[in-house]
Amino acid sequence: MASTSSRFLDDIARLATDAAGAAQGVRREVETVVKMQIEKLLRELDVVPREEFEAVREMALLAREENDRLAARLAALEEKLGKS
């Protein structure tokens, strides 16, 4: 009787282990499919990657600084011409 009970418990434990392994496999597969769908959606929406956004942002900041310098220079030249 004890042998039968032990074997039954071993079978249940093996079944639970197999179920857990199958659940992990399904989870990984679902994650992969969801990730692929999100990437596809982002490509279709033409979303800019963070690296490109940061590069363009830096270029805009540099252009703004140069524009401010040139505006100050122009104002100084205009003031100098006005006094002449």
C-alpha atoms as a PDB file:
ATOM      1  CA  MET A   1       0.000   0.000   0.000  1.00  0.00           C
ATOM      2  CA  ALA A   2       2.804   2.445   0.880  1.00  0.00           C
ATOM      3  CA  SER A   3       4.510   1.657  -2.420  1.00  0.00           C
ATOM      4  CA  THR A   4       1.357   2.476  -4.357  1.00  0.00           C
ATOM      5  CA  SER A   5       0.851   5.734  -2.440  1.00  0.00           C
ATOM      6  CA  SER A   6       4.478   6.759  -2.991  1.00  0.00           C
ATOM      7  CA  ARG A   7       4.276   5.964  -6.699  1.00  0.00           C
ATOM      8  CA  PHE A   8       1.041   7.941  -6.972  1.00  0.00           C
ATOM      9  CA  LEU A   9       2.675  10.961  -5.299  1.00  0.00           C
ATOM     10  CA  ASP A  10       5.719  10.635  -7.588  1.00  0.00           C
ATOM     11  CA  ASP A  11       3.417  10.629 -10.610  1.00  0.00           C
ATOM     12  CA  ILE A  12       1.609  13.739  -9.360  1.00  0.00           C
ATOM     13  CA  ALA A  13       4.920  15.497  -8.696  1.00  0.00           C
ATOM     14  CA  ARG A  14       6.194  14.592 -12.184  1.00  0.00           C
ATOM     15  CA  LEU A  15       2.935  15.819 -13.710  1.00  0.00           C
ATOM     16  CA  ALA A  16       3.177  19.113 -11.807  1.00  0.00           C
ATOM     17  CA  THR A  17       6.792  19.567 -12.929  1.00  0.00           C
ATOM     18  CA  ASP A  18       5.879  18.894 -16.553  1.00  0.00           C
ATOM     19  CA  ALA A  19       2.956  21.318 -16.328  1.00  0.00           C
ATOM     20  CA  ALA A  20       5.214  24.024 -14.894  1.00  0.00           C
ATOM     21  CA  GLY A  21       7.718  23.504 -17.711  1.00  0.00           C
ATOM     22  CA  ALA A  22       4.956  23.666 -20.313  1.00  0.00           C
ATOM     23  CA  ALA A  23       3.589  26.837 -18.727  1.00  0.00           C
ATOM     24  CA  GLN A  24       7.032  28.474 -18.932  1.00  0.00           C
ATOM     25  CA  GLY A  25       7.306  27.515 -22.584  1.00  0.00           C
ATOM     26  CA  VAL A  26       3.900  28.994 -23.331  1.00  0.00           C
ATOM     27  CA  ARG A  27       4.833  32.144 -21.416  1.00  0.00           C
ATOM     28  CA  ARG A  28       8.026  32.600 -23.447  1.00  0.00           C
ATOM     29  CA  GLU A  29       6.135  32.038 -26.681  1.00  0.00           C
ATOM     30  CA  VAL A  30       3.441  34.566 -25.730  1.00  0.00           C
ATOM     31  CA  GLU A  31       6.091  37.117 -24.761  1.00  0.00           C
ATOM     32  CA  THR A  32       7.808  36.643 -28.130  1.00  0.00           C
ATOM     33  CA  VAL A  33       4.577  37.081 -30.078  1.00  0.00           C
ATOM     34  CA  VAL A  34       3.574  40.159 -28.069  1.00  0.00           C
ATOM     35  CA  LYS A  35       7.026  41.706 -28.507  1.00  0.00           C
ATOM     36  CA  MET A  36       6.929  41.106 -32.260  1.00  0.00           C
ATOM     37  CA  GLN A  37       3.460  42.670 -32.508  1.00  0.00           C
ATOM     38  CA  ILE A  38       4.528  45.733 -30.523  1.00  0.00           C
ATOM     39  CA  GLU A  39       7.632  46.183 -32.686  1.00  0.00           C
ATOM     40  CA  LYS A  40       5.486  45.871 -35.823  1.00  0.00           C
ATOM     41  CA  LEU A  41       3.041  48.456 -34.488  1.00  0.00           C
ATOM     42  CA  LEU A  42       5.853  50.878 -33.656  1.00  0.00           C
ATOM     43  CA  ARG A  43       7.317  50.463 -37.146  1.00  0.00           C
ATOM     44  CA  GLU A  44       3.927  51.119 -38.728  1.00  0.00           C
ATOM     45  CA  LEU A  45       3.419  54.222 -36.580  1.00  0.00           C
ATOM     46  CA  ASP A  46       6.869  55.423 -37.704  1.00  0.00           C
ATOM     47  CA  VAL A  47       7.960  56.098 -34.120  1.00  0.00           C
ATOM     48  CA  VAL A  48      11.438  57.574 -33.840  1.00  0.00           C
ATOM     49  CA  PRO A  49      13.977  55.548 -31.844  1.00  0.00           C
ATOM     50  CA  ARG A  50      15.244  57.272 -28.699  1.00  0.00           C
ATOM     51  CA  GLU A  51      18.811  57.510 -30.035  1.00  0.00           C
ATOM     52  CA  GLU A  52      17.682  59.375 -33.174  1.00  0.00           C
ATOM     53  CA  PHE A  53      15.479  61.692 -31.123  1.00  0.00           C
ATOM     54  CA  GLU A  54      18.366  62.571 -28.805  1.00  0.00           C
ATOM     55  CA  ALA A  55      20.706  63.208 -31.761  1.00  0.00           C
ATOM     56  CA  VAL A  56      18.245  65.579 -33.455  1.00  0.00           C
ATOM     57  CA  ARG A  57      17.521  67.275 -30.124  1.00  0.00           C
ATOM     58  CA  GLU A  58      21.239  67.936 -29.635  1.00  0.00           C
ATOM     59  CA  MET A  59      21.496  69.358 -33.166  1.00  0.00           C
ATOM     60  CA  ALA A  60      18.531  71.665 -32.480  1.00  0.00           C
ATOM     61  CA  LEU A  61      20.103  72.910 -29.238  1.00  0.00           C
ATOM     62  CA  LEU A  62      23.378  73.663 -31.015  1.00  0.00           C
ATOM     63  CA  ALA A  63      21.542  75.465 -33.825  1.00  0.00           C
ATOM     64  CA  ARG A  64      19.606  77.516 -31.257  1.00  0.00           C
ATOM     65  CA  GLU A  65      22.844  78.557 -29.532  1.00  0.00           C
ATOM     66  CA  GLU A  66      24.393  79.547 -32.849  1.00  0.00           C
ATOM     67  CA  ASN A  67      21.263  81.485 -33.777  1.00  0.00           C
ATOM     68  CA  ASP A  68      21.443  83.397 -30.482  1.00  0.00           C
ATOM     69  CA  ARG A  69      25.140  84.222 -31.067  1.00  0.00           C
ATOM     70  CA  LEU A  70      24.432  85.428 -34.606  1.00  0.00           C
ATOM     71  CA  ALA A  71      21.471  87.517 -33.442  1.00  0.00           C
ATOM     72  CA  ALA A  72      23.672  89.222 -30.842  1.00  0.00           C
ATOM     73  CA  ARG A  73      26.371  89.833 -33.436  1.00  0.00           C
ATOM     74  CA  LEU A  74      23.825  91.269 -35.874  1.00  0.00           C
ATOM     75  CA  ALA A  75      22.415  93.553 -33.193  1.00  0.00           C
ATOM     76  CA  ALA A  76      25.928  94.800 -32.385  1.00  0.00           C
ATOM     77  CA  LEU A  77      26.645  95.479 -36.071  1.00  0.00           C
ATOM     78  CA  GLU A  78      23.332  97.270 -36.522  1.00  0.00           C
ATOM     79  CA  GLU A  79      24.049  99.402 -33.461  1.00  0.00           C
ATOM     80  CA  LYS A  80      27.511 100.224 -34.788  1.00  0.00           C
ATOM     81  CA  LEU A  81      26.057 101.238 -38.206  1.00  0.00           C
ATOM     82  CA  GLY A  82      23.407 103.360 -36.527  1.00  0.00           C
ATOM     83  CA  LYS A  83      26.024 105.413 -34.675  1.00  0.00           C
ATOM     84  CA  SER A  84      28.098 106.061 -37.809  1.00  0.00           C
END
